[in-house]
Amino acid sequence: MRKTGTEWWRPGLYARRRPNLLRRAACLAAIRGYFAGAGFVEVETPALQVSPGLEPHLKAFATELEQPDGARQQLYLHTSPEFAMKKLLVAGEEKLFQLAPVFRNGERAALHHPAFLMLEWYRAGVDYRRIMADCEALLRAIAAGCGENRLRWQGQQADITAPWQYLSVAEACRLYAGIDLEACIGAEPQHPDLAAMRKACAAIGLRVDAGDGWDDLYFRLALERIEPKLGLGAPTILYDYPIHMAALSRPKPDQPRLAERFELYACGVELANAFSELTDAAEQARRFAADMALKRALYGYDYPVDGDFIAALEHGLPDCAGIALGVDRLVLLLCGADRIEEVLWLPVADA
């Protein structure tokens, strides 16, 4: 007999989820309304890509494209539409957004799903501060469109319409963990002081394992001491990350030890990750190489770099800023649901 997981289509189970799904539909309508009113164009880029995204810890789904002559090319389902959307910025689009189904293997938990909906938007000629303002305006538009301004998760609440909290990463480390992050970065920002970070974390009783690197300790610190305190009462924007954690963001012009990157939190849940985008093709290629070296060291494999993306950067990516926001998580918080599956029309089958 065929083994099945939860049969989400059963009328009784579907009926219990339907109010969440109607709120999801209202949320998507409000998103499109906000961007239409702000003069954005909605774009669609292929889910099949040469490179799925190069964040070291993400796992992609691989597939093969069969050509008419029988040749086969390995492609991937994208983990983000970022590379493709930046090519459109190079092509001349100035304000664009996309509601993109994206795919990440090995992710299934209350706040994770292997296929989910990501909202990304980009503006040319601005920095991350303009995207921060977008976040506030967009969430207020969503609250109005859904008739719900409270975000709820595991007993915590955040009022979208209340004044938002803005904290730098260094301020959050000092406020919630008593750690001087700048001292732990040390004299070489691209190679932060591991000994100082280990000592600081041990001093506050955080677990420090023999093989932990600087980033391992930071992520444990964030997960256990900082993130649970973010976005309580009102959403929080956490900004200015150490430069070695810049990802695809550019350095701050007046503080090159830091990157113009921020994350949006509500009820202790990360909702979005944003950058003033890096436009230097050579630096981007260097970061990709370092990330894939780390991926090979950790997991024994890597992903190809999209040469067309590097060529687009070499042609000239304008100064710009952009963000990726997890729509399913946002809807979950709008509904006060317990798991992402409760706000999806149909989840991936768990047979």
C-alpha atoms as a PDB file:
ATOM      1  CA  MET A   1       0.000   0.000   0.000  1.00  0.00           C
ATOM      2  CA  ARG A   2       1.249   3.497  -0.836  1.00  0.00           C
ATOM      3  CA  LYS A   3       2.512   5.383   2.180  1.00  0.00           C
ATOM      4  CA  THR A   4       1.133   8.911   2.406  1.00  0.00           C
ATOM      5  CA  GLY A   5       1.820  11.944   4.497  1.00  0.00           C
ATOM      6  CA  THR A   6      -0.790  14.471   5.535  1.00  0.00           C
ATOM      7  CA  GLU A   7      -3.462  14.682   2.837  1.00  0.00           C
ATOM      8  CA  TRP A   8      -3.823  18.449   2.784  1.00  0.00           C
ATOM      9  CA  TRP A   9      -6.609  18.352   0.187  1.00  0.00           C
ATOM     10  CA  ARG A  10      -9.084  16.643   2.547  1.00  0.00           C
ATOM     11  CA  PRO A  11     -12.066  19.020   2.887  1.00  0.00           C
ATOM     12  CA  GLY A  12     -12.010  19.233   6.681  1.00  0.00           C
ATOM     13  CA  LEU A  13      -8.299  20.022   6.839  1.00  0.00           C
ATOM     14  CA  TYR A  14      -8.561  22.448   3.933  1.00  0.00           C
ATOM     15  CA  ALA A  15     -11.528  24.252   5.508  1.00  0.00           C
ATOM     16  CA  ARG A  16      -9.489  24.925   8.671  1.00  0.00           C
ATOM     17  CA  ARG A  17      -6.686  26.424   6.586  1.00  0.00           C
ATOM     18  CA  ARG A  18      -8.884  28.431   4.224  1.00  0.00           C
ATOM     19  CA  PRO A  19      -8.989  31.658   6.333  1.00  0.00           C
ATOM     20  CA  ASN A  20      -5.177  31.652   6.264  1.00  0.00           C
ATOM     21  CA  LEU A  21      -5.211  31.158   2.503  1.00  0.00           C
ATOM     22  CA  LEU A  22      -7.603  34.028   1.957  1.00  0.00           C
ATOM     23  CA  ARG A  23      -5.310  36.243   4.056  1.00  0.00           C
ATOM     24  CA  ARG A  24      -2.404  35.015   1.912  1.00  0.00           C
ATOM     25  CA  ALA A  25      -4.286  36.107  -1.217  1.00  0.00           C
ATOM     26  CA  ALA A  26      -4.983  39.514   0.347  1.00  0.00           C
ATOM     27  CA  CYS A  27      -1.310  39.842   1.267  1.00  0.00           C
ATOM     28  CA  LEU A  28      -0.187  39.153  -2.312  1.00  0.00           C
ATOM     29  CA  ALA A  29      -2.734  41.632  -3.659  1.00  0.00           C
ATOM     30  CA  ALA A  30      -1.442  44.287  -1.233  1.00  0.00           C
ATOM     31  CA  ILE A  31       2.156  43.585  -2.281  1.00  0.00           C
ATOM     32  CA  ARG A  32       1.315  44.054  -5.945  1.00  0.00           C
ATOM     33  CA  GLY A  33      -0.711  47.154  -5.137  1.00  0.00           C
ATOM     34  CA  TYR A  34       2.143  48.732  -3.204  1.00  0.00           C
ATOM     35  CA  PHE A  35       4.700  48.196  -5.954  1.00  0.00           C
ATOM     36  CA  ALA A  36       2.313  49.311  -8.704  1.00  0.00           C
ATOM     37  CA  GLY A  37       1.699  52.512  -6.764  1.00  0.00           C
ATOM     38  CA  ALA A  38       5.451  53.047  -6.335  1.00  0.00           C
ATOM     39  CA  GLY A  39       6.131  52.709 -10.076  1.00  0.00           C
ATOM     40  CA  PHE A  40       7.780  49.278 -10.054  1.00  0.00           C
ATOM     41  CA  VAL A  41       7.543  46.773 -12.902  1.00  0.00           C
ATOM     42  CA  GLU A  42       6.797  43.140 -12.021  1.00  0.00           C
ATOM     43  CA  VAL A  43       9.230  40.736 -13.710  1.00  0.00           C
ATOM     44  CA  GLU A  44       9.484  36.969 -14.103  1.00  0.00           C
ATOM     45  CA  THR A  45      12.824  35.200 -14.431  1.00  0.00           C
ATOM     46  CA  PRO A  46      13.503  31.476 -15.005  1.00  0.00           C
ATOM     47  CA  ALA A  47      13.623  29.122 -12.029  1.00  0.00           C
ATOM     48  CA  LEU A  48      16.153  27.000 -13.968  1.00  0.00           C
ATOM     49  CA  GLN A  49      19.598  28.560 -13.712  1.00  0.00           C
ATOM     50  CA  VAL A  50      23.251  27.722 -14.355  1.00  0.00           C
ATOM     51  CA  SER A  51      24.001  28.679 -10.757  1.00  0.00           C
ATOM     52  CA  PRO A  52      21.389  28.265  -8.016  1.00  0.00           C
ATOM     53  CA  GLY A  53      22.914  30.862  -5.685  1.00  0.00           C
ATOM     54  CA  LEU A  54      26.247  30.663  -3.908  1.00  0.00           C
ATOM     55  CA  GLU A  55      25.508  31.048  -0.199  1.00  0.00           C
ATOM     56  CA  PRO A  56      27.769  28.354   1.303  1.00  0.00           C
ATOM     57  CA  HIS A  57      25.164  26.674   3.504  1.00  0.00           C
ATOM     58  CA  LEU A  58      22.250  26.455   1.059  1.00  0.00           C
ATOM     59  CA  LYS A  59      21.517  23.186  -0.744  1.00  0.00           C
ATOM     60  CA  ALA A  60      19.970  23.337  -4.199  1.00  0.00           C
ATOM     61  CA  PHE A  61      17.940  20.934  -6.338  1.00  0.00           C
ATOM     62  CA  ALA A  62      19.813  19.818  -9.470  1.00  0.00           C
ATOM     63  CA  THR A  63      18.293  18.696 -12.759  1.00  0.00           C
ATOM     64  CA  GLU A  64      19.295  18.185 -16.405  1.00  0.00           C
ATOM     65  CA  LEU A  65      18.271  20.113 -19.506  1.00  0.00           C
ATOM     66  CA  GLU A  66      18.195  17.914 -22.601  1.00  0.00           C
ATOM     67  CA  GLN A  67      19.101  19.746 -25.808  1.00  0.00           C
ATOM     68  CA  PRO A  68      17.568  18.846 -29.204  1.00  0.00           C
ATOM     69  CA  ASP A  69      20.833  17.101 -30.184  1.00  0.00           C
ATOM     70  CA  GLY A  70      20.656  14.910 -27.082  1.00  0.00           C
ATOM     71  CA  ALA A  71      23.344  16.778 -25.155  1.00  0.00           C
ATOM     72  CA  ARG A  72      22.601  17.290 -21.481  1.00  0.00           C
ATOM     73  CA  GLN A  73      23.373  20.309 -19.355  1.00  0.00           C
ATOM     74  CA  GLN A  74      23.175  20.351 -15.582  1.00  0.00           C
ATOM     75  CA  LEU A  75      21.012  23.150 -14.253  1.00  0.00           C
ATOM     76  CA  TYR A  76      19.593  24.031 -10.834  1.00  0.00           C
ATOM     77  CA  LEU A  77      16.353  25.332  -9.402  1.00  0.00           C
ATOM     78  CA  HIS A  78      17.251  28.763  -8.089  1.00  0.00           C
ATOM     79  CA  THR A  79      17.444  29.465  -4.362  1.00  0.00           C
ATOM     80  CA  SER A  80      16.808  33.147  -5.177  1.00  0.00           C
ATOM     81  CA  PRO A  81      16.128  35.152  -8.361  1.00  0.00           C
ATOM     82  CA  GLU A  82      18.832  37.647  -7.379  1.00  0.00           C
ATOM     83  CA  PHE A  83      21.360  37.035 -10.148  1.00  0.00           C
ATOM     84  CA  ALA A  84      18.716  37.204 -12.871  1.00  0.00           C
ATOM     85  CA  MET A  85      17.105  40.351 -11.480  1.00  0.00           C
ATOM     86  CA  LYS A  86      20.445  42.138 -11.289  1.00  0.00           C
ATOM     87  CA  LYS A  87      20.996  41.353 -14.973  1.00  0.00           C
ATOM     88  CA  LEU A  88      17.774  43.275 -15.634  1.00  0.00           C
ATOM     89  CA  LEU A  89      19.161  46.219 -13.655  1.00  0.00           C
ATOM     90  CA  VAL A  90      22.209  46.141 -15.923  1.00  0.00           C
ATOM     91  CA  ALA A  91      19.825  46.035 -18.911  1.00  0.00           C
ATOM     92  CA  GLY A  92      18.243  49.288 -17.764  1.00  0.00           C
ATOM     93  CA  GLU A  93      15.330  48.512 -15.432  1.00  0.00           C
ATOM     94  CA  GLU A  94      15.379  50.870 -12.459  1.00  0.00           C
ATOM     95  CA  LYS A  95      12.616  49.605 -10.152  1.00  0.00           C
ATOM     96  CA  LEU A  96      11.594  45.964 -10.354  1.00  0.00           C
ATOM     97  CA  PHE A  97      10.030  43.319  -8.139  1.00  0.00           C
ATOM     98  CA  GLN A  98       9.261  39.630  -8.385  1.00  0.00           C
ATOM     99  CA  LEU A  99       7.180  37.104  -6.468  1.00  0.00           C
ATOM    100  CA  ALA A 100       9.313  34.062  -7.212  1.00  0.00           C
ATOM    101  CA  PRO A 101       8.856  30.421  -6.198  1.00  0.00           C
ATOM    102  CA  VAL A 102      12.295  29.348  -4.963  1.00  0.00           C
ATOM    103  CA  PHE A 103      13.697  25.994  -3.877  1.00  0.00           C
ATOM    104  CA  ARG A 104      16.068  24.909  -1.098  1.00  0.00           C
ATOM    105  CA  ASN A 105      16.839  21.286  -0.387  1.00  0.00           C
ATOM    106  CA  GLY A 106      17.075  19.876   3.122  1.00  0.00           C
ATOM    107  CA  GLU A 107      14.878  22.599   4.632  1.00  0.00           C
ATOM    108  CA  ARG A 108      11.694  21.481   6.368  1.00  0.00           C
ATOM    109  CA  ALA A 109      10.644  22.795   9.768  1.00  0.00           C
ATOM    110  CA  ALA A 110       8.086  25.132  11.278  1.00  0.00           C
ATOM    111  CA  LEU A 111       9.636  28.114   9.489  1.00  0.00           C
ATOM    112  CA  HIS A 112      11.199  26.295   6.520  1.00  0.00           C
ATOM    113  CA  HIS A 113       9.830  24.577   3.437  1.00  0.00           C
ATOM    114  CA  PRO A 114      11.696  23.166   0.414  1.00  0.00           C
ATOM    115  CA  ALA A 115       9.604  25.257  -2.011  1.00  0.00           C
ATOM    116  CA  PHE A 116       8.494  28.712  -0.923  1.00  0.00           C
ATOM    117  CA  LEU A 117       7.559  32.149  -2.235  1.00  0.00           C
ATOM    118  CA  MET A 118      10.159  34.889  -2.132  1.00  0.00           C
ATOM    119  CA  LEU A 119       9.539  38.573  -2.764  1.00  0.00           C
ATOM    120  CA  GLU A 120      12.562  40.414  -4.127  1.00  0.00           C
ATOM    121  CA  TRP A 121      12.738  44.036  -5.168  1.00  0.00           C
ATOM    122  CA  TYR A 122      15.518  46.327  -6.363  1.00  0.00           C
ATOM    123  CA  ARG A 123      15.928  50.064  -6.857  1.00  0.00           C
ATOM    124  CA  ALA A 124      18.663  51.694  -8.911  1.00  0.00           C
ATOM    125  CA  GLY A 125      20.306  54.856  -7.608  1.00  0.00           C
ATOM    126  CA  VAL A 126      19.616  54.248  -3.899  1.00  0.00           C
ATOM    127  CA  ASP A 127      21.225  52.531  -0.924  1.00  0.00           C
ATOM    128  CA  TYR A 128      19.874  50.208   1.768  1.00  0.00           C
ATOM    129  CA  ARG A 129      18.242  53.059   3.684  1.00  0.00           C
ATOM    130  CA  ARG A 130      15.669  53.454   0.907  1.00  0.00           C
ATOM    131  CA  ILE A 131      14.881  49.734   1.115  1.00  0.00           C
ATOM    132  CA  MET A 132      14.377  50.122   4.880  1.00  0.00           C
ATOM    133  CA  ALA A 133      11.759  52.790   4.144  1.00  0.00           C
ATOM    134  CA  ASP A 134      10.155  50.442   1.603  1.00  0.00           C
ATOM    135  CA  CYS A 135       9.883  47.740   4.254  1.00  0.00           C
ATOM    136  CA  GLU A 136       7.937  49.995   6.606  1.00  0.00           C
ATOM    137  CA  ALA A 137       5.643  51.284   3.858  1.00  0.00           C
ATOM    138  CA  LEU A 138       5.082  47.835   2.347  1.00  0.00           C
ATOM    139  CA  LEU A 139       4.203  46.148   5.655  1.00  0.00           C
ATOM    140  CA  ARG A 140       1.811  48.955   6.520  1.00  0.00           C
ATOM    141  CA  ALA A 141       0.143  48.507   3.123  1.00  0.00           C
ATOM    142  CA  ILE A 142      -0.116  44.773   3.767  1.00  0.00           C
ATOM    143  CA  ALA A 143      -1.613  45.388   7.202  1.00  0.00           C
ATOM    144  CA  ALA A 144      -4.251  47.640   5.655  1.00  0.00           C
ATOM    145  CA  GLY A 145      -4.978  45.179   2.866  1.00  0.00           C
ATOM    146  CA  CYS A 146      -5.281  42.202   5.204  1.00  0.00           C
ATOM    147  CA  GLY A 147      -7.120  43.987   8.003  1.00  0.00           C
ATOM    148  CA  GLU A 148      -4.458  42.819  10.468  1.00  0.00           C
ATOM    149  CA  ASN A 149      -1.591  44.878  11.850  1.00  0.00           C
ATOM    150  CA  ARG A 150      -0.380  42.328  14.435  1.00  0.00           C
ATOM    151  CA  LEU A 151       2.275  39.761  13.660  1.00  0.00           C
ATOM    152  CA  ARG A 152       2.207  36.777  16.046  1.00  0.00           C
ATOM    153  CA  TRP A 153       4.542  33.857  16.716  1.00  0.00           C
ATOM    154  CA  GLN A 154       4.921  31.580  19.759  1.00  0.00           C
ATOM    155  CA  GLY A 155       3.315  34.019  22.192  1.00  0.00           C
ATOM    156  CA  GLN A 156       5.120  37.096  20.875  1.00  0.00           C
ATOM    157  CA  GLN A 157       3.557  39.985  18.978  1.00  0.00           C
ATOM    158  CA  ALA A 158       4.756  42.843  16.798  1.00  0.00           C
ATOM    159  CA  ASP A 159       2.551  45.761  15.765  1.00  0.00           C
ATOM    160  CA  ILE A 160       3.384  46.783  12.194  1.00  0.00           C
ATOM    161  CA  THR A 161       1.935  50.249  12.775  1.00  0.00           C
ATOM    162  CA  ALA A 162       4.024  50.961  15.901  1.00  0.00           C
ATOM    163  CA  PRO A 163       7.376  52.799  15.657  1.00  0.00           C
ATOM    164  CA  TRP A 164       9.987  50.340  14.381  1.00  0.00           C
ATOM    165  CA  GLN A 165      13.240  49.568  16.178  1.00  0.00           C
ATOM    166  CA  TYR A 166      16.545  50.150  14.363  1.00  0.00           C
ATOM    167  CA  LEU A 167      19.641  48.471  15.832  1.00  0.00           C
ATOM    168  CA  SER A 168      23.123  47.968  14.442  1.00  0.00           C
ATOM    169  CA  VAL A 169      24.587  44.488  14.834  1.00  0.00           C
ATOM    170  CA  ALA A 170      27.164  45.890  17.248  1.00  0.00           C
ATOM    171  CA  GLU A 171      24.447  47.574  19.329  1.00  0.00           C
ATOM    172  CA  ALA A 172      22.416  44.364  19.462  1.00  0.00           C
ATOM    173  CA  CYS A 173      25.444  42.337  20.599  1.00  0.00           C
ATOM    174  CA  ARG A 174      26.157  44.832  23.345  1.00  0.00           C
ATOM    175  CA  LEU A 175      22.525  45.246  24.413  1.00  0.00           C
ATOM    176  CA  TYR A 176      21.425  41.611  24.437  1.00  0.00           C
ATOM    177  CA  ALA A 177      24.664  39.706  25.017  1.00  0.00           C
ATOM    178  CA  GLY A 178      27.103  42.141  26.636  1.00  0.00           C
ATOM    179  CA  ILE A 179      29.664  41.535  23.863  1.00  0.00           C
ATOM    180  CA  ASP A 180      31.880  44.189  22.253  1.00  0.00           C
ATOM    181  CA  LEU A 181      31.642  43.048  18.645  1.00  0.00           C
ATOM    182  CA  GLU A 182      34.210  45.535  17.332  1.00  0.00           C
ATOM    183  CA  ALA A 183      36.828  44.118  19.704  1.00  0.00           C
ATOM    184  CA  CYS A 184      36.004  40.632  18.413  1.00  0.00           C
ATOM    185  CA  ILE A 185      36.474  41.738  14.807  1.00  0.00           C
ATOM    186  CA  GLY A 186      40.012  42.848  15.564  1.00  0.00           C
ATOM    187  CA  ALA A 187      42.544  44.655  13.373  1.00  0.00           C
ATOM    188  CA  GLU A 188      41.870  42.727  10.146  1.00  0.00           C
ATOM    189  CA  PRO A 189      38.151  42.884   9.356  1.00  0.00           C
ATOM    190  CA  GLN A 190      38.349  40.305   6.544  1.00  0.00           C
ATOM    191  CA  HIS A 191      39.971  37.886   9.015  1.00  0.00           C
ATOM    192  CA  PRO A 192      38.252  38.555  12.366  1.00  0.00           C
ATOM    193  CA  ASP A 193      39.874  37.701  15.692  1.00  0.00           C
ATOM    194  CA  LEU A 194      38.728  34.168  16.534  1.00  0.00           C
ATOM    195  CA  ALA A 195      40.539  34.083  19.883  1.00  0.00           C
ATOM    196  CA  ALA A 196      38.785  37.271  21.010  1.00  0.00           C
ATOM    197  CA  MET A 197      35.410  35.943  19.862  1.00  0.00           C
ATOM    198  CA  ARG A 198      35.921  32.621  21.662  1.00  0.00           C
ATOM    199  CA  LYS A 199      36.891  34.421  24.868  1.00  0.00           C
ATOM    200  CA  ALA A 200      33.929  36.820  24.706  1.00  0.00           C
ATOM    201  CA  CYS A 201      31.415  34.040  24.041  1.00  0.00           C
ATOM    202  CA  ALA A 202      32.804  31.827  26.808  1.00  0.00           C
ATOM    203  CA  ALA A 203      32.616  34.749  29.241  1.00  0.00           C
ATOM    204  CA  ILE A 204      28.823  35.004  28.811  1.00  0.00           C
ATOM    205  CA  GLY A 205      28.313  31.238  29.115  1.00  0.00           C
ATOM    206  CA  LEU A 206      27.782  30.515  25.422  1.00  0.00           C
ATOM    207  CA  ARG A 207      28.868  27.060  24.266  1.00  0.00           C
ATOM    208  CA  VAL A 208      32.252  27.163  22.522  1.00  0.00           C
ATOM    209  CA  ASP A 209      33.307  23.986  20.709  1.00  0.00           C
ATOM    210  CA  ALA A 210      36.847  23.134  19.649  1.00  0.00           C
ATOM    211  CA  GLY A 211      36.142  23.374  15.914  1.00  0.00           C
ATOM    212  CA  ASP A 212      34.059  26.557  16.003  1.00  0.00           C
ATOM    213  CA  GLY A 213      35.027  29.348  13.654  1.00  0.00           C
ATOM    214  CA  TRP A 214      34.192  33.018  14.147  1.00  0.00           C
ATOM    215  CA  ASP A 215      30.988  32.768  12.121  1.00  0.00           C
ATOM    216  CA  ASP A 216      29.890  29.613  13.948  1.00  0.00           C
ATOM    217  CA  LEU A 217      30.100  31.483  17.219  1.00  0.00           C
ATOM    218  CA  TYR A 218      28.354  34.560  15.858  1.00  0.00           C
ATOM    219  CA  PHE A 219      25.435  32.515  14.507  1.00  0.00           C
ATOM    220  CA  ARG A 220      25.088  30.666  17.830  1.00  0.00           C
ATOM    221  CA  LEU A 221      25.212  33.981  19.666  1.00  0.00           C
ATOM    222  CA  ALA A 222      22.583  35.437  17.347  1.00  0.00           C
ATOM    223  CA  LEU A 223      20.320  32.397  17.510  1.00  0.00           C
ATOM    224  CA  GLU A 224      20.401  32.010  21.291  1.00  0.00           C
ATOM    225  CA  ARG A 225      20.839  35.529  22.659  1.00  0.00           C
ATOM    226  CA  ILE A 226      19.926  38.139  20.042  1.00  0.00           C
ATOM    227  CA  GLU A 227      17.287  36.985  17.550  1.00  0.00           C
ATOM    228  CA  PRO A 228      14.722  35.988  20.217  1.00  0.00           C
ATOM    229  CA  LYS A 229      14.778  39.635  21.403  1.00  0.00           C
ATOM    230  CA  LEU A 230      14.264  41.202  17.971  1.00  0.00           C
ATOM    231  CA  GLY A 231      10.938  42.391  16.649  1.00  0.00           C
ATOM    232  CA  LEU A 232       9.063  42.209  19.949  1.00  0.00           C
ATOM    233  CA  GLY A 233       6.312  44.816  20.154  1.00  0.00           C
ATOM    234  CA  ALA A 234       7.255  46.202  16.742  1.00  0.00           C
ATOM    235  CA  PRO A 235       9.421  45.027  13.833  1.00  0.00           C
ATOM    236  CA  THR A 236      13.189  45.449  14.124  1.00  0.00           C
ATOM    237  CA  ILE A 237      15.730  46.281  11.436  1.00  0.00           C
ATOM    238  CA  LEU A 238      19.180  44.919  12.314  1.00  0.00           C
ATOM    239  CA  TYR A 239      21.825  46.648  10.196  1.00  0.00           C
ATOM    240  CA  ASP A 240      25.564  47.065   9.473  1.00  0.00           C
ATOM    241  CA  TYR A 241      27.154  43.618   9.521  1.00  0.00           C
ATOM    242  CA  PRO A 242      30.907  42.954   9.812  1.00  0.00           C
ATOM    243  CA  ILE A 243      32.457  43.267   6.345  1.00  0.00           C
ATOM    244  CA  HIS A 244      33.465  39.604   6.157  1.00  0.00           C
ATOM    245  CA  MET A 245      29.736  38.779   6.447  1.00  0.00           C
ATOM    246  CA  ALA A 246      28.878  41.143   3.611  1.00  0.00           C
ATOM    247  CA  ALA A 247      27.496  38.446   1.253  1.00  0.00           C
ATOM    248  CA  LEU A 248      26.564  40.471  -1.862  1.00  0.00           C
ATOM    249  CA  SER A 249      26.573  43.870  -0.141  1.00  0.00           C
ATOM    250  CA  ARG A 250      29.035  46.727  -0.456  1.00  0.00           C
ATOM    251  CA  PRO A 251      31.220  48.229   2.307  1.00  0.00           C
ATOM    252  CA  LYS A 252      30.032  51.368   4.096  1.00  0.00           C
ATOM    253  CA  PRO A 253      31.915  54.277   2.522  1.00  0.00           C
ATOM    254  CA  ASP A 254      32.698  55.906   5.880  1.00  0.00           C
ATOM    255  CA  GLN A 255      33.179  52.646   7.847  1.00  0.00           C
ATOM    256  CA  PRO A 256      34.804  50.054   5.569  1.00  0.00           C
ATOM    257  CA  ARG A 257      34.923  47.518   8.420  1.00  0.00           C
ATOM    258  CA  LEU A 258      31.136  47.220   8.032  1.00  0.00           C
ATOM    259  CA  ALA A 259      28.806  46.209   5.206  1.00  0.00           C
ATOM    260  CA  GLU A 260      25.605  47.980   4.151  1.00  0.00           C
ATOM    261  CA  ARG A 261      23.403  45.007   4.925  1.00  0.00           C
ATOM    262  CA  PHE A 262      20.284  44.666   7.066  1.00  0.00           C
ATOM    263  CA  GLU A 263      17.792  42.032   8.141  1.00  0.00           C
ATOM    264  CA  LEU A 264      14.153  42.506   9.111  1.00  0.00           C
ATOM    265  CA  TYR A 265      12.774  40.707  12.186  1.00  0.00           C
ATOM    266  CA  ALA A 266       9.356  40.339  13.776  1.00  0.00           C
ATOM    267  CA  CYS A 267       8.523  38.212  16.835  1.00  0.00           C
ATOM    268  CA  GLY A 268      12.080  36.869  16.830  1.00  0.00           C
ATOM    269  CA  VAL A 269      11.696  35.599  13.236  1.00  0.00           C
ATOM    270  CA  GLU A 270      13.899  36.735  10.361  1.00  0.00           C
ATOM    271  CA  LEU A 271      11.717  37.922   7.470  1.00  0.00           C
ATOM    272  CA  ALA A 272      14.111  39.584   5.037  1.00  0.00           C
ATOM    273  CA  ASN A 273      17.751  40.172   4.109  1.00  0.00           C
ATOM    274  CA  ALA A 274      18.805  43.334   2.244  1.00  0.00           C
ATOM    275  CA  PHE A 275      21.886  45.013   0.798  1.00  0.00           C
ATOM    276  CA  SER A 276      23.294  48.066  -0.804  1.00  0.00           C
ATOM    277  CA  GLU A 277      24.447  45.899  -3.670  1.00  0.00           C
ATOM    278  CA  LEU A 278      28.078  45.184  -4.498  1.00  0.00           C
ATOM    279  CA  THR A 279      28.828  46.409  -8.040  1.00  0.00           C
ATOM    280  CA  ASP A 280      32.541  45.498  -8.273  1.00  0.00           C
ATOM    281  CA  ALA A 281      32.793  42.431 -10.551  1.00  0.00           C
ATOM    282  CA  ALA A 282      36.300  41.452  -9.431  1.00  0.00           C
ATOM    283  CA  GLU A 283      35.391  41.653  -5.734  1.00  0.00           C
ATOM    284  CA  GLN A 284      32.204  39.693  -6.378  1.00  0.00           C
ATOM    285  CA  ALA A 285      34.172  36.957  -8.166  1.00  0.00           C
ATOM    286  CA  ARG A 286      36.636  36.859  -5.243  1.00  0.00           C
ATOM    287  CA  ARG A 287      33.793  36.449  -2.731  1.00  0.00           C
ATOM    288  CA  PHE A 288      32.176  33.715  -4.825  1.00  0.00           C
ATOM    289  CA  ALA A 289      35.481  31.820  -4.965  1.00  0.00           C
ATOM    290  CA  ALA A 290      35.887  32.106  -1.190  1.00  0.00           C
ATOM    291  CA  ASP A 291      32.307  30.978  -0.561  1.00  0.00           C
ATOM    292  CA  MET A 292      32.673  27.943  -2.824  1.00  0.00           C
ATOM    293  CA  ALA A 293      35.995  27.038  -1.204  1.00  0.00           C
ATOM    294  CA  LEU A 294      34.191  27.065   2.142  1.00  0.00           C
ATOM    295  CA  LYS A 295      31.345  24.976   0.701  1.00  0.00           C
ATOM    296  CA  ARG A 296      33.804  22.365  -0.609  1.00  0.00           C
ATOM    297  CA  ALA A 297      35.556  22.255   2.757  1.00  0.00           C
ATOM    298  CA  LEU A 298      32.284  21.835   4.684  1.00  0.00           C
ATOM    299  CA  TYR A 299      30.214  19.651   2.333  1.00  0.00           C
ATOM    300  CA  GLY A 300      32.557  18.201  -0.277  1.00  0.00           C
ATOM    301  CA  TYR A 301      30.944  19.904  -3.285  1.00  0.00           C
ATOM    302  CA  ASP A 302      30.258  23.326  -4.755  1.00  0.00           C
ATOM    303  CA  TYR A 303      28.131  25.053  -7.407  1.00  0.00           C
ATOM    304  CA  PRO A 304      29.226  26.753 -10.628  1.00  0.00           C
ATOM    305  CA  VAL A 305      29.476  30.513 -10.858  1.00  0.00           C
ATOM    306  CA  ASP A 306      27.146  32.125 -13.400  1.00  0.00           C
ATOM    307  CA  GLY A 307      29.642  33.606 -15.850  1.00  0.00           C
ATOM    308  CA  ASP A 308      26.862  35.633 -17.483  1.00  0.00           C
ATOM    309  CA  PHE A 309      26.215  37.324 -14.129  1.00  0.00           C
ATOM    310  CA  ILE A 310      29.887  38.272 -13.736  1.00  0.00           C
ATOM    311  CA  ALA A 311      29.868  39.569 -17.331  1.00  0.00           C
ATOM    312  CA  ALA A 312      26.818  41.694 -16.483  1.00  0.00           C
ATOM    313  CA  LEU A 313      28.646  43.157 -13.473  1.00  0.00           C
ATOM    314  CA  GLU A 314      31.655  43.892 -15.677  1.00  0.00           C
ATOM    315  CA  HIS A 315      29.385  45.663 -18.153  1.00  0.00           C
ATOM    316  CA  GLY A 316      28.148  47.805 -15.271  1.00  0.00           C
ATOM    317  CA  LEU A 317      25.655  47.238 -12.488  1.00  0.00           C
ATOM    318  CA  PRO A 318      24.367  50.659 -11.401  1.00  0.00           C
ATOM    319  CA  ASP A 319      24.461  51.699  -7.776  1.00  0.00           C
ATOM    320  CA  CYS A 320      21.416  49.959  -6.356  1.00  0.00           C
ATOM    321  CA  ALA A 321      19.895  48.247  -3.355  1.00  0.00           C
ATOM    322  CA  GLY A 322      17.641  45.243  -2.992  1.00  0.00           C
ATOM    323  CA  ILE A 323      16.020  42.781  -0.622  1.00  0.00           C
ATOM    324  CA  ALA A 324      14.639  39.259  -0.390  1.00  0.00           C
ATOM    325  CA  LEU A 325      11.586  38.748   1.848  1.00  0.00           C
ATOM    326  CA  GLY A 326      10.027  35.397   2.745  1.00  0.00           C
ATOM    327  CA  VAL A 327       6.343  35.752   1.896  1.00  0.00           C
ATOM    328  CA  ASP A 328       5.271  32.497   3.552  1.00  0.00           C
ATOM    329  CA  ARG A 329       6.850  33.508   6.855  1.00  0.00           C
ATOM    330  CA  LEU A 330       5.171  36.893   6.708  1.00  0.00           C
ATOM    331  CA  VAL A 331       1.772  35.295   6.054  1.00  0.00           C
ATOM    332  CA  LEU A 332       2.397  32.808   8.873  1.00  0.00           C
ATOM    333  CA  LEU A 333       2.951  35.696  11.287  1.00  0.00           C
ATOM    334  CA  LEU A 334      -0.078  37.588   9.950  1.00  0.00           C
ATOM    335  CA  CYS A 335      -2.206  34.506  10.660  1.00  0.00           C
ATOM    336  CA  GLY A 336      -0.566  33.523  13.954  1.00  0.00           C
ATOM    337  CA  ALA A 337      -0.060  30.045  12.476  1.00  0.00           C
ATOM    338  CA  ASP A 338       2.319  27.426  13.871  1.00  0.00           C
ATOM    339  CA  ARG A 339       3.868  26.043  10.675  1.00  0.00           C
ATOM    340  CA  ILE A 340       4.425  27.243   7.126  1.00  0.00           C
ATOM    341  CA  GLU A 341       2.321  24.381   5.728  1.00  0.00           C
ATOM    342  CA  GLU A 342      -0.715  26.019   7.349  1.00  0.00           C
ATOM    343  CA  VAL A 343      -0.432  29.046   5.039  1.00  0.00           C
ATOM    344  CA  LEU A 344       0.330  27.209   1.756  1.00  0.00           C
ATOM    345  CA  TRP A 345      -2.399  26.267  -0.707  1.00  0.00           C
ATOM    346  CA  LEU A 346      -0.725  22.857  -0.929  1.00  0.00           C
ATOM    347  CA  PRO A 347       2.628  21.976   0.637  1.00  0.00           C
ATOM    348  CA  VAL A 348       5.204  19.705  -0.944  1.00  0.00           C
ATOM    349  CA  ALA A 349       3.951  16.173  -0.324  1.00  0.00           C
ATOM    350  CA  ASP A 350       5.690  14.446   2.599  1.00  0.00           C
ATOM    351  CA  ALA A 351       5.033  10.860   1.542  1.00  0.00           C
END
